[in-house]
Amino acid sequence: MSRFDDISEALAELNPEALLADGFEQALVGYTSNYHHPHVAVYDAKKCIAILVRRDGMSEEEAEEFFSLNTLGAYVGENGPLFVWS
């Protein structure tokens, strides 16, 4: 099993309603654990941007703008993923 499979399966058990970010499988780093909010997927934002550069041929600036507008800016509800900057 891949790291993505391990994390997504564990998350599915904790919160079957949790949403994953399509196309960013390599950037999935874990999930949240909080008694006051649902468990949700957590992605590394820098890795997401690197995926856009590599996969879609965007420049770094284009990828950052696309990510900001289309991923960070897309509200999909309380079960949507979070993105961390490390």
N, C-alpha and C. Protein backbone atom coordinates (compact mmCIF):
# COMPACT_ATOMS: atom_id res chain seq x y z
N MET A 1 0.83 -1.19 0.00
CA MET A 1 0.00 0.00 0.00
C MET A 1 0.87 1.24 0.00
N SER A 2 0.38 2.28 -0.63
CA SER A 2 1.11 3.54 -0.66
C SER A 2 0.75 4.37 0.58
N ARG A 3 1.55 5.38 0.81
CA ARG A 3 1.27 6.30 1.92
C ARG A 3 -0.10 6.94 1.74
N PHE A 4 -0.42 7.34 0.51
CA PHE A 4 -1.74 7.91 0.22
C PHE A 4 -2.84 6.93 0.62
N ASP A 5 -2.71 5.68 0.23
CA ASP A 5 -3.71 4.67 0.56
C ASP A 5 -3.87 4.52 2.06
N ASP A 6 -2.74 4.45 2.77
CA ASP A 6 -2.79 4.30 4.23
C ASP A 6 -3.53 5.46 4.89
N ILE A 7 -3.18 6.67 4.50
CA ILE A 7 -3.79 7.86 5.11
C ILE A 7 -5.25 7.97 4.72
N SER A 8 -5.56 7.79 3.46
CA SER A 8 -6.96 7.96 3.01
C SER A 8 -7.86 6.88 3.60
N GLU A 9 -7.36 5.67 3.78
CA GLU A 9 -8.18 4.62 4.39
C GLU A 9 -8.43 4.90 5.87
N ALA A 10 -7.40 5.35 6.59
CA ALA A 10 -7.59 5.69 8.00
C ALA A 10 -8.57 6.84 8.13
N LEU A 11 -8.45 7.84 7.28
CA LEU A 11 -9.35 8.99 7.31
C LEU A 11 -10.78 8.57 6.99
N ALA A 12 -10.97 7.68 6.03
CA ALA A 12 -12.31 7.21 5.67
C ALA A 12 -13.00 6.52 6.84
N GLU A 13 -12.24 5.85 7.66
CA GLU A 13 -12.81 5.20 8.85
C GLU A 13 -13.23 6.23 9.89
N LEU A 14 -12.43 7.29 10.04
CA LEU A 14 -12.71 8.33 11.02
C LEU A 14 -13.82 9.28 10.58
N ASN A 15 -13.84 9.59 9.29
CA ASN A 15 -14.83 10.51 8.74
C ASN A 15 -15.13 10.13 7.29
N PRO A 16 -16.14 9.32 7.09
CA PRO A 16 -16.49 8.90 5.73
C PRO A 16 -16.87 10.06 4.81
N GLU A 17 -17.18 11.22 5.38
CA GLU A 17 -17.56 12.39 4.60
C GLU A 17 -16.36 13.26 4.21
N ALA A 18 -15.17 12.93 4.70
CA ALA A 18 -13.98 13.74 4.41
C ALA A 18 -13.70 13.75 2.92
N LEU A 19 -13.37 14.94 2.40
CA LEU A 19 -13.08 15.10 0.98
C LEU A 19 -11.57 15.14 0.74
N LEU A 20 -11.16 14.58 -0.38
CA LEU A 20 -9.76 14.60 -0.78
C LEU A 20 -9.58 15.55 -1.96
N ALA A 21 -8.39 16.09 -2.11
CA ALA A 21 -8.09 17.01 -3.20
C ALA A 21 -7.57 16.21 -4.39
N ASP A 22 -8.38 16.08 -5.42
CA ASP A 22 -8.01 15.31 -6.61
C ASP A 22 -6.74 15.84 -7.25
N GLY A 23 -5.87 14.93 -7.60
CA GLY A 23 -4.65 15.30 -8.30
C GLY A 23 -3.48 15.64 -7.40
N PHE A 24 -3.72 15.69 -6.10
CA PHE A 24 -2.66 16.04 -5.17
C PHE A 24 -2.30 14.88 -4.23
N GLU A 25 -2.45 13.66 -4.71
CA GLU A 25 -2.20 12.48 -3.88
C GLU A 25 -0.81 12.49 -3.25
N GLN A 26 0.20 12.93 -4.01
CA GLN A 26 1.57 12.94 -3.51
C GLN A 26 1.80 13.99 -2.42
N ALA A 27 0.87 14.91 -2.25
CA ALA A 27 1.01 15.98 -1.26
C ALA A 27 0.23 15.70 0.02
N LEU A 28 -0.52 14.60 0.07
CA LEU A 28 -1.28 14.26 1.28
C LEU A 28 -0.30 13.88 2.38
N VAL A 29 -0.37 14.58 3.51
CA VAL A 29 0.58 14.33 4.60
C VAL A 29 -0.07 13.74 5.84
N GLY A 30 -1.39 13.78 5.92
CA GLY A 30 -2.05 13.22 7.10
C GLY A 30 -3.48 13.70 7.20
N TYR A 31 -3.98 13.70 8.45
CA TYR A 31 -5.33 14.18 8.70
C TYR A 31 -5.38 14.82 10.07
N THR A 32 -6.41 15.63 10.28
CA THR A 32 -6.55 16.33 11.56
C THR A 32 -7.13 15.40 12.61
N SER A 33 -6.87 15.75 13.85
CA SER A 33 -7.43 15.02 14.97
C SER A 33 -7.85 16.04 16.01
N ASN A 34 -9.17 16.24 16.12
CA ASN A 34 -9.69 17.26 17.00
C ASN A 34 -11.08 16.83 17.44
N TYR A 35 -11.37 16.86 18.72
CA TYR A 35 -12.67 16.42 19.21
C TYR A 35 -13.80 17.39 18.89
N HIS A 36 -13.46 18.61 18.45
CA HIS A 36 -14.47 19.63 18.23
C HIS A 36 -14.77 19.86 16.75
N HIS A 37 -14.05 19.20 15.86
CA HIS A 37 -14.23 19.36 14.43
C HIS A 37 -14.06 18.00 13.77
N PRO A 38 -14.63 17.82 12.59
CA PRO A 38 -14.45 16.53 11.92
C PRO A 38 -13.00 16.33 11.47
N HIS A 39 -12.60 15.07 11.41
CA HIS A 39 -11.29 14.73 10.86
C HIS A 39 -11.30 15.07 9.38
N VAL A 40 -10.27 15.77 8.91
CA VAL A 40 -10.18 16.10 7.48
C VAL A 40 -8.76 15.86 6.99
N ALA A 41 -8.63 15.72 5.69
CA ALA A 41 -7.33 15.50 5.06
C ALA A 41 -6.46 16.75 5.19
N VAL A 42 -5.15 16.53 5.30
CA VAL A 42 -4.19 17.63 5.37
C VAL A 42 -3.15 17.43 4.27
N TYR A 43 -2.93 18.50 3.49
CA TYR A 43 -1.98 18.47 2.39
C TYR A 43 -0.88 19.50 2.62
N ASP A 44 0.29 19.22 2.08
CA ASP A 44 1.40 20.16 2.09
C ASP A 44 1.21 21.11 0.91
N ALA A 45 0.99 22.39 1.20
CA ALA A 45 0.71 23.37 0.15
C ALA A 45 1.86 23.51 -0.84
N LYS A 46 3.10 23.50 -0.34
CA LYS A 46 4.26 23.64 -1.24
C LYS A 46 4.35 22.45 -2.20
N LYS A 47 4.01 21.27 -1.70
CA LYS A 47 4.02 20.09 -2.57
C LYS A 47 2.92 20.18 -3.62
N CYS A 48 1.78 20.74 -3.25
CA CYS A 48 0.69 20.93 -4.23
C CYS A 48 1.15 21.85 -5.35
N ILE A 49 1.82 22.92 -4.99
CA ILE A 49 2.31 23.87 -5.99
C ILE A 49 3.35 23.20 -6.89
N ALA A 50 4.23 22.41 -6.29
CA ALA A 50 5.25 21.70 -7.07
C ALA A 50 4.59 20.72 -8.05
N ILE A 51 3.49 20.10 -7.64
CA ILE A 51 2.77 19.19 -8.53
C ILE A 51 2.22 19.96 -9.73
N LEU A 52 1.66 21.14 -9.49
CA LEU A 52 1.14 21.95 -10.59
C LEU A 52 2.24 22.36 -11.56
N VAL A 53 3.41 22.68 -11.04
CA VAL A 53 4.54 23.06 -11.89
C VAL A 53 4.97 21.86 -12.74
N ARG A 54 5.16 20.73 -12.09
CA ARG A 54 5.65 19.53 -12.78
C ARG A 54 4.61 18.93 -13.71
N ARG A 55 3.41 18.73 -13.21
CA ARG A 55 2.36 18.04 -13.96
C ARG A 55 1.76 18.90 -15.08
N ASP A 56 1.52 20.17 -14.76
CA ASP A 56 0.78 21.03 -15.69
C ASP A 56 1.66 22.03 -16.42
N GLY A 57 2.96 22.02 -16.14
CA GLY A 57 3.87 22.90 -16.85
C GLY A 57 3.72 24.37 -16.50
N MET A 58 3.16 24.66 -15.35
CA MET A 58 3.00 26.05 -14.93
C MET A 58 4.32 26.59 -14.40
N SER A 59 4.48 27.89 -14.47
CA SER A 59 5.60 28.53 -13.78
C SER A 59 5.26 28.51 -12.29
N GLU A 60 6.24 28.78 -11.45
CA GLU A 60 6.00 28.82 -10.01
C GLU A 60 4.93 29.87 -9.68
N GLU A 61 5.03 31.03 -10.30
CA GLU A 61 4.07 32.10 -10.05
C GLU A 61 2.66 31.71 -10.50
N GLU A 62 2.56 31.10 -11.67
CA GLU A 62 1.25 30.65 -12.17
C GLU A 62 0.66 29.59 -11.24
N ALA A 63 1.49 28.67 -10.80
CA ALA A 63 1.02 27.60 -9.91
C ALA A 63 0.54 28.16 -8.58
N GLU A 64 1.27 29.12 -8.02
CA GLU A 64 0.86 29.73 -6.75
C GLU A 64 -0.48 30.45 -6.90
N GLU A 65 -0.65 31.18 -8.01
CA GLU A 65 -1.90 31.89 -8.23
C GLU A 65 -3.05 30.91 -8.45
N PHE A 66 -2.83 29.89 -9.27
CA PHE A 66 -3.86 28.89 -9.53
C PHE A 66 -4.26 28.20 -8.24
N PHE A 67 -3.27 27.79 -7.45
CA PHE A 67 -3.52 27.10 -6.19
C PHE A 67 -4.32 27.99 -5.24
N SER A 68 -3.92 29.24 -5.14
CA SER A 68 -4.60 30.18 -4.25
C SER A 68 -6.06 30.37 -4.64
N LEU A 69 -6.31 30.58 -5.91
CA LEU A 69 -7.67 30.86 -6.37
C LEU A 69 -8.55 29.62 -6.45
N ASN A 70 -8.01 28.53 -6.97
CA ASN A 70 -8.83 27.35 -7.29
C ASN A 70 -8.81 26.25 -6.25
N THR A 71 -7.85 26.26 -5.37
CA THR A 71 -7.79 25.22 -4.35
C THR A 71 -8.05 25.82 -2.98
N LEU A 72 -7.23 26.75 -2.55
CA LEU A 72 -7.45 27.40 -1.26
C LEU A 72 -8.77 28.17 -1.25
N GLY A 73 -9.10 28.78 -2.36
CA GLY A 73 -10.30 29.60 -2.44
C GLY A 73 -11.59 28.84 -2.67
N ALA A 74 -11.50 27.54 -2.82
CA ALA A 74 -12.70 26.73 -3.08
C ALA A 74 -13.24 26.17 -1.77
N TYR A 75 -14.31 26.74 -1.27
CA TYR A 75 -14.93 26.23 -0.04
C TYR A 75 -15.81 25.04 -0.40
N VAL A 76 -15.53 23.90 0.20
CA VAL A 76 -16.30 22.69 -0.10
C VAL A 76 -16.97 22.14 1.16
N GLY A 77 -17.06 22.96 2.18
CA GLY A 77 -17.74 22.54 3.41
C GLY A 77 -16.77 22.13 4.51
N GLU A 78 -17.33 21.79 5.64
CA GLU A 78 -16.51 21.48 6.82
C GLU A 78 -15.68 20.21 6.67
N ASN A 79 -16.00 19.39 5.70
CA ASN A 79 -15.25 18.15 5.49
C ASN A 79 -14.16 18.31 4.42
N GLY A 80 -13.97 19.53 3.95
CA GLY A 80 -12.95 19.80 2.95
C GLY A 80 -11.56 19.74 3.54
N PRO A 81 -10.56 19.53 2.70
CA PRO A 81 -9.17 19.41 3.17
C PRO A 81 -8.59 20.73 3.67
N LEU A 82 -7.56 20.60 4.47
CA LEU A 82 -6.76 21.74 4.92
C LEU A 82 -5.39 21.66 4.26
N PHE A 83 -4.75 22.81 4.14
CA PHE A 83 -3.43 22.89 3.51
C PHE A 83 -2.49 23.59 4.46
N VAL A 84 -1.33 22.98 4.70
CA VAL A 84 -0.35 23.55 5.62
C VAL A 84 0.87 24.02 4.86
N TRP A 85 1.49 25.07 5.38
CA TRP A 85 2.74 25.60 4.85
C TRP A 85 3.80 25.25 5.89
N SER A 86 4.80 24.52 5.48
CA SER A 86 5.84 24.14 6.44
C SER A 86 7.19 24.66 6.00
